Amino acid sequence: MVVAVSAVLVLWVGFVAYFTILSRRSTSDIRDFALGSMMFSPWFVGLSLAAGMTSAATFIINPGLIGYYGISGVISYAIALPLAALISLVVLTRRFRRVGTTSRALTLSQWMGNIYTSRRLAVFFAILSLLLITFLVLITVGLTLVLSTALGVHHLFVLFGITVFVYGYMAFGGANTMVYSNAVQALLMLVVALILLGSGLEHFADGFRGFLRKLEAIDPVLTLPTNAESPLFRDYFEIVFAQMIVGVAVICQPHIITKSLLLKEDSQVRPYLFSGVVVQSLFFMVVIAGLYARLEFPDLQMDGKVIKPDALMSTYVTQRFHPALGVLLVFGLLAAGISTIESLIQSLSTTLTVDLLQPFFFRGAEPNRVVKINRLVIFLIGIVAFVISKQQIEHPNLSVAMLAQNGVYAFFGAAFFPVLMGIFSRNPDKIAALAAAVTALVVHFGIYYMRLTPYMQVEVRNPAIPASIAIVCALVVGLSVFFVRNKKARGQH
């Protein structure tokens, strides 16, 4: 299997290098890097959306948590969050694209600055976008664990290789490389999702109840809709309410909500959303394979060693399947992570270059020089991601998902109300937007680090709890400030 994985890896490197060379020739300025210079099929962009939304968390990390904690995790990660996220995606996409196209925004931060006519607000969200590095770390760790297991190579060498290659080709390719590689990755992920979901069908020989009885024989808690013993799925507030609030707001991540700006015509939005939503719905269901992995390793051990949540799926794939099929699955898991890394690198580097560096240090710089600065930014992001990923692999707090969720949830919690008001209000108020964003950050990090509420009184804290409370508080504060200021404005006239 090691030889086969290595051979396919070489082919994949060649494929990406080819598209990177083509993309570099057609990337003349930062706008080309951010939005592409080619006419993309909306079906391809929809696949790119699904691939970008589906990270290593969906295919590697979350199934491991489901394997540990059971049906309660399936309700949370495969039903509650996806339902809210996909509805939010459909509702927000059309309006965001319409406003974004009019303002010619390249990034979410720039979109904020244009909508609210506030340079400071754009800079504020550009700085906040640094929180998304935690998401890059999550995916990098997942990819490293999968590939090091498949190749039998020490994780440090794999981590270095992934960082150098992925950040290297994204520095020279940008959106033109990303869309086509994402589309191919999404098709591979689609095949892998079907294989993983079908890999445990024999456990349903006696129906769904028979499947539950097998889980119950391992641990009765695995079959319950809530799991009081887990740090993530203890009650319905944590499993349903918090995840649905998070699901609605998760679309406000830059690499997701700005994807629609790659479309050239309004008529392309419908096929874009259709392909994205259908494929993404299937991807969300892959976490169920975590239950199959638990049936494969009932005591969560192999060769006398405990299998950590982050390593459960990679272990399942390498042990459960024929080597030939295992190679396909390994690359499907890699595709799930790399597709999101590409989207994150593209959006994060553009944000830092366009909204932070260029206005303050490189105003009036030639387009080609801005592209070179952006490449340097990508290399610096890669170094930071490498260092933190190494620490998370060697000293995780239950799962790297806890670090990533804390950072990412804080970001989109702060962005949610400003995006919502910018889309639906005729007179968006920058003071209300800033008040809501600051409230979300203070409440989120306050609850998490000061261990407020009973949910935070355990060693492993669920970031969805402070995030959901922060989003609700931000909505209340933002709307209150908005209506008070509107009332005063009307009174003065």
Foldseek 3Di string as FASTA:
>chain_A
DLVVLVVVVVVVLVVLVVLLVVQLVQDQFLLCQQQNPDADALLLLLLLLLLQVQALCLQFQLLLVCLVQAPLSCLQQQPQLLVLQLVLLVVQQLLLLVQCVVQVDRWPLVSLCSLQVHLVSSLVLLVLLVLQLLVLLQRLLLLLLLSCVSNVHDSLVSSVVVLCSLLVSSLRRHPSSLSVLSSVLSVLLLVLLVCLVPLQVVCCPVHPVSVLVLLVVLPVSNNDSARCVDLQGHDCCRRHVLSSLLSSLLCPNTLNSCSSNSHDDSVSVVSNSVSNSVSSSSSSNSSVSSNVLCSVVVVCDDPRHHPASSNSSSVCLVPVDDPVVSSSNSSSSNSSHSSNSSSSLNRSLSSCLVSPCCVPPNPPHDRNVSSVVSSVSSSVSSVVSSVVSVCCNVPNQSGSVLSSLLSSLLSSLLVRVSSVCSSPPPNDHVVLSNQLSVQLNCQQCVCQVVVPDPSSPDSRHDSSVSSSVSSVVSVVSSVVVVVVVVVVVVVVD
